Amino acid sequence: MAILRTVLWSLAKRAAADPRVQKKAGQAFRTVDRKMDKAADKVADVAAAKDPAREAGKMLGAFLSGEKRPKG
């Protein structure tokens, strides 16, 4: 098992030293980073649109007034 680990480690080090691999890794990182930024922006927009305190207040108000569903 130690031999296999040593061989894999040396292959990984060689691949990491290759400029082509480094360039591809940089491109992949930038692509993933852009996608994560877009996803985070979408989550922030949804969170801003749905205020949990306001939603809870609407539900409590509807319950106390006898409505079946809150309006708005």
Protein backbone atom coordinates (compact mmCIF):
# COMPACT_ATOMS: atom_id res chain seq x y z
CA MET A 1 0.00 0.00 0.00
CA ALA A 2 2.86 2.36 0.79
CA ILE A 3 4.36 1.76 -2.66
CA LEU A 4 1.11 2.69 -4.36
CA ARG A 5 0.80 5.84 -2.25
CA THR A 6 4.38 6.82 -3.09
CA VAL A 7 3.85 6.27 -6.82
CA LEU A 8 0.58 8.24 -6.82
CA TRP A 9 2.19 11.07 -4.86
CA SER A 10 5.10 11.33 -7.28
CA LEU A 11 2.72 11.34 -10.26
CA ALA A 12 0.65 14.08 -8.66
CA LYS A 13 3.76 16.18 -8.02
CA ARG A 14 4.89 15.77 -11.64
CA ALA A 15 1.46 16.72 -12.94
CA ALA A 16 1.36 19.78 -10.68
CA ALA A 17 4.73 20.92 -12.01
CA ASP A 18 3.50 20.78 -15.62
CA PRO A 19 2.65 24.29 -16.92
CA ARG A 20 -0.24 22.95 -19.02
CA VAL A 21 -1.84 21.38 -15.97
CA GLN A 22 -1.33 24.58 -13.99
CA LYS A 23 -3.00 26.64 -16.73
CA LYS A 24 -5.97 24.26 -16.92
CA ALA A 25 -6.34 24.27 -13.12
CA GLY A 26 -6.38 28.07 -13.12
CA GLN A 27 -9.09 28.14 -15.78
CA ALA A 28 -11.16 25.58 -13.90
CA PHE A 29 -10.82 27.57 -10.68
CA ARG A 30 -11.97 30.79 -12.33
CA THR A 31 -14.96 29.04 -13.92
CA VAL A 32 -16.05 27.45 -10.65
CA ASP A 33 -15.49 30.72 -8.79
CA ARG A 34 -17.76 32.58 -11.24
CA LYS A 35 -20.48 29.94 -10.90
CA MET A 36 -20.29 30.06 -7.11
CA ASP A 37 -20.53 33.86 -7.15
CA LYS A 38 -23.66 33.70 -9.32
CA ALA A 39 -25.23 31.09 -7.03
CA ALA A 40 -24.43 33.18 -3.95
CA ASP A 41 -26.01 36.23 -5.57
CA LYS A 42 -29.18 34.25 -6.33
CA VAL A 43 -29.37 33.01 -2.74
CA ALA A 44 -28.91 36.54 -1.42
CA ASP A 45 -31.69 37.83 -3.69
CA VAL A 46 -34.08 35.12 -2.53
CA ALA A 47 -33.18 35.74 1.10
CA ALA A 48 -33.80 39.46 0.69
CA ALA A 49 -37.18 38.83 -0.96
CA LYS A 50 -38.36 36.42 1.76
CA ASP A 51 -37.99 37.98 5.18
CA PRO A 52 -38.67 35.22 7.73
CA ALA A 53 -39.85 37.65 10.39
CA ARG A 54 -42.35 39.23 8.01
CA GLU A 55 -43.63 35.83 6.85
CA ALA A 56 -44.08 34.69 10.46
CA GLY A 57 -45.87 37.93 11.27
CA LYS A 58 -48.24 37.44 8.34
CA MET A 59 -49.05 33.92 9.43
CA LEU A 60 -49.62 34.96 13.05
CA GLY A 61 -51.81 37.86 11.97
CA ALA A 62 -53.86 35.57 9.72
CA PHE A 63 -54.26 33.06 12.53
CA LEU A 64 -55.38 35.68 15.03
CA SER A 65 -57.82 37.29 12.58
CA GLY A 66 -59.31 33.91 11.63
CA GLU A 67 -58.19 33.96 7.98
CA LYS A 68 -57.26 30.69 6.40
CA ARG A 69 -54.38 32.10 4.35
CA PRO A 70 -52.39 35.31 4.72
CA LYS A 71 -52.85 37.87 1.96
CA GLY A 72 -49.91 39.22 0.00
